[in-house]
Amino acid sequence: MIRVAMTSVYVDDVPKAHAFYTDVLGFETRTRLDLGDGTLFVTVGAPQGAQPDLQLLLEPGQGALADPYRRAVYEAGLPAIVFSVDDIRSEYDRLRALGVRFPHEPQDQGPVVAAVLDDTVGNLIQLTQPKGRGASEPGARPPAGSA
């Protein structure tokens, strides 16, 4: 069986991306190699036990191919990558409290509830929660004043 082992996302600042993806989003560092001349090879992954075999490469996004692609995707409002979460409302609230920018609150999108965030290094990232899973179904807050 073929499995996805690694995927990548272009970033405009690898050290800044590394800090955001680990300190804010909660991923763990899998690989951090200094390749010389200021180039870093950094991969992150979900905490051990969650998806230990899948890594995300924080790919330097400068260059004739990467930079125009990354900018076009961002300007079109398209997520560069999608992450699944167990509780979209809890993650949305946690990340907002850390200063993460979301263009809008979580929204119902058919089989999932989704929210898009800015990763501070040139990408929009979508968080999704499949319906029927998690504590904050479907991601809407209770009406004000209700208990």
N, C-alpha and C. Protein backbone atom coordinates (compact mmCIF):
# COMPACT_ATOMS: atom_id res chain seq x y z
N MET A 1 0.84 -1.18 0.00
CA MET A 1 0.00 0.00 0.00
C MET A 1 0.89 1.24 0.00
N ILE A 2 0.55 2.20 -0.82
CA ILE A 2 1.27 3.47 -0.86
C ILE A 2 0.62 4.41 0.14
N ARG A 3 1.47 5.10 0.93
CA ARG A 3 0.98 6.07 1.92
C ARG A 3 1.70 7.40 1.72
N VAL A 4 1.06 8.46 2.12
CA VAL A 4 1.70 9.77 2.10
C VAL A 4 2.66 9.82 3.28
N ALA A 5 3.93 10.10 3.03
CA ALA A 5 4.94 10.19 4.09
C ALA A 5 5.27 11.65 4.40
N MET A 6 5.26 12.49 3.36
CA MET A 6 5.62 13.89 3.55
C MET A 6 4.92 14.71 2.48
N THR A 7 4.52 15.90 2.88
CA THR A 7 4.03 16.88 1.94
C THR A 7 4.70 18.20 2.32
N SER A 8 4.55 19.21 1.50
CA SER A 8 5.24 20.46 1.81
C SER A 8 4.32 21.64 1.63
N VAL A 9 4.71 22.72 2.27
CA VAL A 9 4.03 23.99 2.12
C VAL A 9 5.13 25.05 1.98
N TYR A 10 4.99 25.90 0.96
CA TYR A 10 5.96 26.98 0.78
C TYR A 10 5.77 28.02 1.86
N VAL A 11 6.86 28.48 2.44
CA VAL A 11 6.82 29.53 3.47
C VAL A 11 7.84 30.59 3.11
N ASP A 12 7.58 31.84 3.51
CA ASP A 12 8.53 32.90 3.17
C ASP A 12 9.61 33.11 4.22
N ASP A 13 9.54 32.38 5.34
CA ASP A 13 10.55 32.50 6.40
C ASP A 13 10.52 31.19 7.19
N VAL A 14 11.50 30.31 6.95
CA VAL A 14 11.48 28.98 7.57
C VAL A 14 11.57 29.04 9.09
N PRO A 15 12.49 29.81 9.70
CA PRO A 15 12.51 29.85 11.18
C PRO A 15 11.20 30.37 11.78
N LYS A 16 10.62 31.40 11.17
CA LYS A 16 9.34 31.94 11.66
C LYS A 16 8.23 30.90 11.50
N ALA A 17 8.22 30.21 10.37
CA ALA A 17 7.23 29.15 10.13
C ALA A 17 7.40 28.03 11.15
N HIS A 18 8.64 27.65 11.41
CA HIS A 18 8.92 26.58 12.38
C HIS A 18 8.34 26.95 13.74
N ALA A 19 8.56 28.18 14.17
CA ALA A 19 8.02 28.63 15.46
C ALA A 19 6.49 28.62 15.44
N PHE A 20 5.87 29.09 14.37
CA PHE A 20 4.41 29.14 14.30
C PHE A 20 3.81 27.73 14.32
N TYR A 21 4.35 26.86 13.49
CA TYR A 21 3.77 25.51 13.37
C TYR A 21 3.99 24.68 14.63
N THR A 22 5.05 24.95 15.39
CA THR A 22 5.28 24.20 16.63
C THR A 22 4.67 24.91 17.84
N ASP A 23 5.04 26.16 18.06
CA ASP A 23 4.60 26.88 19.27
C ASP A 23 3.12 27.24 19.26
N VAL A 24 2.57 27.54 18.09
CA VAL A 24 1.17 27.98 18.01
C VAL A 24 0.24 26.82 17.62
N LEU A 25 0.55 26.14 16.52
CA LEU A 25 -0.33 25.07 16.06
C LEU A 25 -0.15 23.77 16.85
N GLY A 26 1.02 23.58 17.46
CA GLY A 26 1.21 22.40 18.30
C GLY A 26 1.88 21.21 17.64
N PHE A 27 2.43 21.40 16.44
CA PHE A 27 3.16 20.31 15.81
C PHE A 27 4.50 20.12 16.52
N GLU A 28 5.12 18.97 16.29
CA GLU A 28 6.44 18.68 16.85
C GLU A 28 7.47 18.67 15.73
N THR A 29 8.69 19.09 16.06
CA THR A 29 9.78 19.06 15.09
C THR A 29 10.17 17.61 14.83
N ARG A 30 10.24 17.23 13.56
CA ARG A 30 10.72 15.90 13.19
C ARG A 30 12.17 15.97 12.70
N THR A 31 12.44 16.99 11.88
CA THR A 31 13.78 17.15 11.32
C THR A 31 14.11 18.63 11.28
N ARG A 32 15.34 18.96 11.66
CA ARG A 32 15.83 20.34 11.53
C ARG A 32 17.30 20.26 11.18
N LEU A 33 17.61 20.42 9.90
CA LEU A 33 18.98 20.32 9.42
C LEU A 33 19.41 21.64 8.81
N ASP A 34 20.60 22.09 9.17
CA ASP A 34 21.19 23.27 8.55
C ASP A 34 21.97 22.78 7.33
N LEU A 35 21.51 23.15 6.14
CA LEU A 35 22.14 22.70 4.91
C LEU A 35 23.24 23.64 4.44
N GLY A 36 23.58 24.62 5.27
CA GLY A 36 24.61 25.59 4.89
C GLY A 36 23.99 26.77 4.16
N ASP A 37 24.75 27.80 3.99
CA ASP A 37 24.36 29.06 3.32
C ASP A 37 22.99 29.57 3.78
N GLY A 38 22.63 29.31 5.04
CA GLY A 38 21.38 29.81 5.60
C GLY A 38 20.15 28.99 5.26
N THR A 39 20.33 27.89 4.55
CA THR A 39 19.20 27.06 4.16
C THR A 39 18.91 26.02 5.24
N LEU A 40 17.65 25.95 5.65
CA LEU A 40 17.23 24.97 6.65
C LEU A 40 16.27 23.97 6.01
N PHE A 41 16.41 22.71 6.41
CA PHE A 41 15.47 21.66 6.04
C PHE A 41 14.72 21.32 7.32
N VAL A 42 13.44 21.72 7.38
CA VAL A 42 12.66 21.54 8.60
C VAL A 42 11.37 20.80 8.27
N THR A 43 11.11 19.73 9.02
CA THR A 43 9.82 19.05 8.92
C THR A 43 9.18 19.02 10.30
N VAL A 44 7.86 19.08 10.30
CA VAL A 44 7.08 18.99 11.53
C VAL A 44 6.01 17.92 11.33
N GLY A 45 5.46 17.46 12.44
CA GLY A 45 4.40 16.47 12.37
C GLY A 45 3.51 16.56 13.59
N ALA A 46 2.39 15.87 13.53
CA ALA A 46 1.48 15.83 14.68
C ALA A 46 2.21 15.19 15.85
N PRO A 47 1.79 15.51 17.07
CA PRO A 47 2.43 14.90 18.24
C PRO A 47 2.48 13.38 18.12
N GLN A 48 3.51 12.78 18.67
CA GLN A 48 3.70 11.33 18.60
C GLN A 48 2.42 10.61 18.99
N GLY A 49 2.08 9.60 18.21
CA GLY A 49 0.88 8.83 18.48
C GLY A 49 -0.30 9.27 17.64
N ALA A 50 -0.29 10.52 17.17
CA ALA A 50 -1.41 11.01 16.37
C ALA A 50 -1.26 10.56 14.92
N GLN A 51 -0.19 10.98 14.27
CA GLN A 51 0.14 10.59 12.90
C GLN A 51 1.66 10.61 12.77
N PRO A 52 2.37 9.74 13.44
CA PRO A 52 3.83 9.85 13.47
C PRO A 52 4.51 9.64 12.12
N ASP A 53 3.83 9.06 11.15
CA ASP A 53 4.48 8.79 9.88
C ASP A 53 4.26 9.86 8.83
N LEU A 54 3.49 10.91 9.12
CA LEU A 54 3.22 11.97 8.15
C LEU A 54 3.92 13.25 8.58
N GLN A 55 4.77 13.78 7.68
CA GLN A 55 5.52 14.99 8.00
C GLN A 55 5.18 16.10 7.02
N LEU A 56 5.29 17.33 7.50
CA LEU A 56 5.07 18.53 6.70
C LEU A 56 6.40 19.25 6.57
N LEU A 57 6.89 19.38 5.34
CA LEU A 57 8.13 20.09 5.06
C LEU A 57 7.82 21.57 4.92
N LEU A 58 8.52 22.40 5.68
CA LEU A 58 8.38 23.86 5.59
C LEU A 58 9.38 24.32 4.53
N GLU A 59 8.91 24.35 3.32
CA GLU A 59 9.73 24.57 2.12
C GLU A 59 9.98 26.06 1.90
N PRO A 60 11.26 26.47 1.73
CA PRO A 60 11.51 27.88 1.42
C PRO A 60 10.74 28.29 0.16
N GLY A 61 9.98 29.38 0.27
CA GLY A 61 9.07 29.77 -0.81
C GLY A 61 9.57 30.89 -1.69
N GLN A 62 10.86 31.14 -1.70
CA GLN A 62 11.39 32.16 -2.59
C GLN A 62 11.85 31.47 -3.87
N GLY A 63 11.87 32.22 -4.94
CA GLY A 63 12.36 31.67 -6.19
C GLY A 63 11.38 31.90 -7.32
N ALA A 64 11.84 31.64 -8.52
CA ALA A 64 11.07 31.93 -9.73
C ALA A 64 9.78 31.13 -9.81
N LEU A 65 9.75 29.93 -9.27
CA LEU A 65 8.55 29.11 -9.32
C LEU A 65 7.70 29.26 -8.06
N ALA A 66 8.33 29.13 -6.91
CA ALA A 66 7.58 29.07 -5.64
C ALA A 66 6.90 30.39 -5.28
N ASP A 67 7.59 31.49 -5.38
CA ASP A 67 7.04 32.76 -4.90
C ASP A 67 5.78 33.17 -5.66
N PRO A 68 5.78 33.17 -7.00
CA PRO A 68 4.54 33.54 -7.71
C PRO A 68 3.39 32.57 -7.42
N TYR A 69 3.69 31.29 -7.31
CA TYR A 69 2.67 30.29 -7.02
C TYR A 69 2.05 30.56 -5.65
N ARG A 70 2.89 30.71 -4.64
CA ARG A 70 2.43 30.92 -3.27
C ARG A 70 1.58 32.19 -3.17
N ARG A 71 2.06 33.26 -3.79
CA ARG A 71 1.31 34.53 -3.75
C ARG A 71 -0.04 34.42 -4.45
N ALA A 72 -0.08 33.74 -5.60
CA ALA A 72 -1.33 33.59 -6.34
C ALA A 72 -2.36 32.79 -5.55
N VAL A 73 -1.91 31.72 -4.90
CA VAL A 73 -2.81 30.90 -4.09
C VAL A 73 -3.35 31.73 -2.92
N TYR A 74 -2.47 32.48 -2.26
CA TYR A 74 -2.88 33.31 -1.12
C TYR A 74 -3.87 34.39 -1.56
N GLU A 75 -3.52 35.10 -2.63
CA GLU A 75 -4.38 36.20 -3.10
C GLU A 75 -5.74 35.70 -3.59
N ALA A 76 -5.80 34.46 -4.06
CA ALA A 76 -7.08 33.87 -4.48
C ALA A 76 -7.91 33.41 -3.28
N GLY A 77 -7.32 33.47 -2.08
CA GLY A 77 -8.03 33.05 -0.88
C GLY A 77 -8.10 31.55 -0.70
N LEU A 78 -7.20 30.82 -1.36
CA LEU A 78 -7.21 29.36 -1.30
C LEU A 78 -6.28 28.85 -0.20
N PRO A 79 -6.71 27.88 0.58
CA PRO A 79 -5.81 27.30 1.58
C PRO A 79 -4.67 26.53 0.90
N ALA A 80 -3.47 26.69 1.44
CA ALA A 80 -2.32 25.95 0.94
C ALA A 80 -2.36 24.50 1.40
N ILE A 81 -3.00 24.27 2.55
CA ILE A 81 -3.09 22.92 3.12
C ILE A 81 -4.28 22.90 4.07
N VAL A 82 -4.81 21.71 4.31
CA VAL A 82 -5.96 21.53 5.19
C VAL A 82 -5.57 20.59 6.32
N PHE A 83 -5.87 20.99 7.55
CA PHE A 83 -5.63 20.16 8.73
C PHE A 83 -6.98 19.79 9.35
N SER A 84 -7.07 18.58 9.84
CA SER A 84 -8.27 18.12 10.53
C SER A 84 -8.10 18.34 12.03
N VAL A 85 -9.17 18.75 12.69
CA VAL A 85 -9.16 18.94 14.14
C VAL A 85 -10.35 18.21 14.74
N ASP A 86 -10.25 17.86 16.01
CA ASP A 86 -11.34 17.17 16.69
C ASP A 86 -12.45 18.12 17.10
N ASP A 87 -12.09 19.37 17.42
CA ASP A 87 -13.07 20.34 17.92
C ASP A 87 -12.73 21.71 17.35
N ILE A 88 -13.40 22.06 16.27
CA ILE A 88 -13.10 23.30 15.55
C ILE A 88 -13.29 24.53 16.42
N ARG A 89 -14.34 24.55 17.21
CA ARG A 89 -14.59 25.73 18.05
C ARG A 89 -13.49 25.91 19.09
N SER A 90 -13.07 24.84 19.73
CA SER A 90 -12.00 24.94 20.73
C SER A 90 -10.70 25.41 20.09
N GLU A 91 -10.35 24.85 18.92
CA GLU A 91 -9.12 25.26 18.24
C GLU A 91 -9.21 26.71 17.79
N TYR A 92 -10.35 27.10 17.25
CA TYR A 92 -10.56 28.48 16.82
C TYR A 92 -10.36 29.43 18.00
N ASP A 93 -11.00 29.14 19.12
CA ASP A 93 -10.89 29.99 20.31
C ASP A 93 -9.45 30.01 20.84
N ARG A 94 -8.80 28.85 20.90
CA ARG A 94 -7.43 28.76 21.40
C ARG A 94 -6.48 29.58 20.53
N LEU A 95 -6.59 29.41 19.22
CA LEU A 95 -5.69 30.11 18.31
C LEU A 95 -5.96 31.61 18.27
N ARG A 96 -7.22 32.01 18.32
CA ARG A 96 -7.53 33.45 18.38
C ARG A 96 -6.92 34.08 19.63
N ALA A 97 -6.98 33.37 20.75
CA ALA A 97 -6.40 33.88 22.00
C ALA A 97 -4.89 34.04 21.89
N LEU A 98 -4.26 33.28 20.98
CA LEU A 98 -2.82 33.39 20.75
C LEU A 98 -2.49 34.44 19.69
N GLY A 99 -3.52 35.12 19.16
CA GLY A 99 -3.29 36.18 18.18
C GLY A 99 -3.36 35.74 16.73
N VAL A 100 -3.77 34.51 16.47
CA VAL A 100 -3.88 34.03 15.09
C VAL A 100 -5.06 34.73 14.43
N ARG A 101 -4.84 35.15 13.17
CA ARG A 101 -5.87 35.89 12.43
C ARG A 101 -6.71 34.93 11.59
N PHE A 102 -8.01 34.99 11.79
CA PHE A 102 -9.00 34.25 11.00
C PHE A 102 -9.86 35.28 10.27
N PRO A 103 -10.07 35.16 8.96
CA PRO A 103 -10.94 36.10 8.25
C PRO A 103 -12.40 36.04 8.71
N HIS A 104 -12.84 34.87 9.20
CA HIS A 104 -14.23 34.72 9.66
C HIS A 104 -14.31 33.55 10.64
N GLU A 105 -15.44 33.46 11.31
CA GLU A 105 -15.69 32.37 12.26
C GLU A 105 -15.81 31.04 11.50
N PRO A 106 -15.73 29.91 12.21
CA PRO A 106 -15.95 28.62 11.55
C PRO A 106 -17.30 28.60 10.82
N GLN A 107 -17.29 27.97 9.65
CA GLN A 107 -18.48 27.95 8.80
C GLN A 107 -18.84 26.53 8.41
N ASP A 108 -20.12 26.28 8.27
CA ASP A 108 -20.63 25.00 7.80
C ASP A 108 -20.30 24.88 6.32
N GLN A 109 -19.63 23.80 5.93
CA GLN A 109 -19.30 23.58 4.53
C GLN A 109 -19.66 22.16 4.13
N GLY A 110 -20.92 21.84 4.23
CA GLY A 110 -21.38 20.50 3.85
C GLY A 110 -21.00 19.45 4.88
N PRO A 111 -20.09 18.54 4.54
CA PRO A 111 -19.74 17.46 5.47
C PRO A 111 -18.79 17.88 6.59
N VAL A 112 -18.31 19.12 6.55
CA VAL A 112 -17.37 19.59 7.58
C VAL A 112 -17.75 20.99 8.04
N VAL A 113 -17.19 21.37 9.19
CA VAL A 113 -17.19 22.75 9.64
C VAL A 113 -15.75 23.20 9.47
N ALA A 114 -15.52 24.38 8.87
CA ALA A 114 -14.17 24.79 8.53
C ALA A 114 -13.90 26.23 8.93
N ALA A 115 -12.64 26.51 9.19
CA ALA A 115 -12.17 27.86 9.47
C ALA A 115 -10.81 28.02 8.80
N VAL A 116 -10.57 29.20 8.25
CA VAL A 116 -9.32 29.49 7.56
C VAL A 116 -8.52 30.47 8.40
N LEU A 117 -7.21 30.21 8.52
CA LEU A 117 -6.33 31.10 9.28
C LEU A 117 -5.14 31.50 8.43
N ASP A 118 -4.49 32.58 8.83
CA ASP A 118 -3.27 33.07 8.19
C ASP A 118 -2.09 32.56 9.01
N ASP A 119 -1.17 31.83 8.37
CA ASP A 119 -0.06 31.23 9.12
C ASP A 119 1.12 32.18 9.34
N THR A 120 1.01 33.42 8.97
CA THR A 120 2.01 34.49 9.14
C THR A 120 3.24 34.35 8.24
N VAL A 121 3.30 33.30 7.43
CA VAL A 121 4.46 33.10 6.56
C VAL A 121 4.03 32.87 5.11
N GLY A 122 2.90 33.51 4.74
CA GLY A 122 2.49 33.52 3.34
C GLY A 122 1.41 32.55 2.93
N ASN A 123 0.73 31.91 3.89
CA ASN A 123 -0.27 30.91 3.53
C ASN A 123 -1.57 31.07 4.30
N LEU A 124 -2.63 30.63 3.66
CA LEU A 124 -3.88 30.42 4.36
C LEU A 124 -3.97 28.92 4.64
N ILE A 125 -4.36 28.59 5.85
CA ILE A 125 -4.47 27.20 6.28
C ILE A 125 -5.92 26.96 6.67
N GLN A 126 -6.49 25.87 6.22
CA GLN A 126 -7.87 25.55 6.59
C GLN A 126 -7.87 24.46 7.65
N LEU A 127 -8.66 24.69 8.71
CA LEU A 127 -8.91 23.69 9.73
C LEU A 127 -10.30 23.14 9.48
N THR A 128 -10.46 21.82 9.53
CA THR A 128 -11.77 21.22 9.33
C THR A 128 -12.10 20.25 10.44
N GLN A 129 -13.37 20.17 10.75
CA GLN A 129 -13.89 19.16 11.67
C GLN A 129 -15.02 18.45 10.96
N PRO A 130 -14.86 17.15 10.69
CA PRO A 130 -15.97 16.41 10.09
C PRO A 130 -17.19 16.47 10.99
N LYS A 131 -18.35 16.63 10.40
CA LYS A 131 -19.58 16.66 11.19
C LYS A 131 -19.77 15.31 11.87
N GLY A 132 -20.31 15.36 13.08
CA GLY A 132 -20.52 14.15 13.84
C GLY A 132 -19.33 13.77 14.70
N ARG A 133 -18.28 14.61 14.70
CA ARG A 133 -17.10 14.33 15.52
C ARG A 133 -16.75 15.59 16.30
N GLY A 134 -16.53 15.47 17.57
CA GLY A 134 -16.08 16.59 18.37
C GLY A 134 -17.18 17.22 19.19
N ALA A 135 -16.75 18.06 20.10
CA ALA A 135 -17.66 18.65 21.08
C ALA A 135 -18.41 19.87 20.56
N SER A 136 -17.90 20.52 19.53
CA SER A 136 -18.52 21.79 19.12
C SER A 136 -19.23 21.67 17.78
N GLU A 137 -20.09 20.73 17.65
CA GLU A 137 -20.84 20.49 16.44
C GLU A 137 -21.96 21.51 16.31
N PRO A 138 -22.20 22.20 15.22
CA PRO A 138 -21.38 22.25 14.04
C PRO A 138 -20.41 23.42 14.02
N GLY A 139 -20.01 23.92 15.18
CA GLY A 139 -19.05 25.01 15.21
C GLY A 139 -19.67 26.35 15.55
N ALA A 140 -20.95 26.40 15.73
CA ALA A 140 -21.60 27.67 16.06
C ALA A 140 -21.67 27.85 17.56
N ARG A 141 -21.59 29.08 17.99
CA ARG A 141 -21.69 29.39 19.42
C ARG A 141 -23.16 29.31 19.85
N PRO A 142 -23.40 28.97 21.13
CA PRO A 142 -24.77 29.03 21.63
C PRO A 142 -25.26 30.47 21.61
N PRO A 143 -26.56 30.70 21.50
CA PRO A 143 -27.08 32.07 21.50
C PRO A 143 -26.66 32.80 22.78
N ALA A 144 -26.42 34.11 22.65
CA ALA A 144 -26.04 34.93 23.81
C ALA A 144 -27.10 34.83 24.88
N GLY A 145 -26.65 34.70 26.13
CA GLY A 145 -27.56 34.65 27.26
C GLY A 145 -28.10 33.27 27.56
N SER A 146 -27.79 32.27 26.70
CA SER A 146 -28.27 30.92 26.99
C SER A 146 -27.28 30.22 27.89
N ALA A 147 -27.75 29.30 28.69
CA ALA A 147 -26.87 28.59 29.60
C ALA A 147 -26.95 27.11 29.38
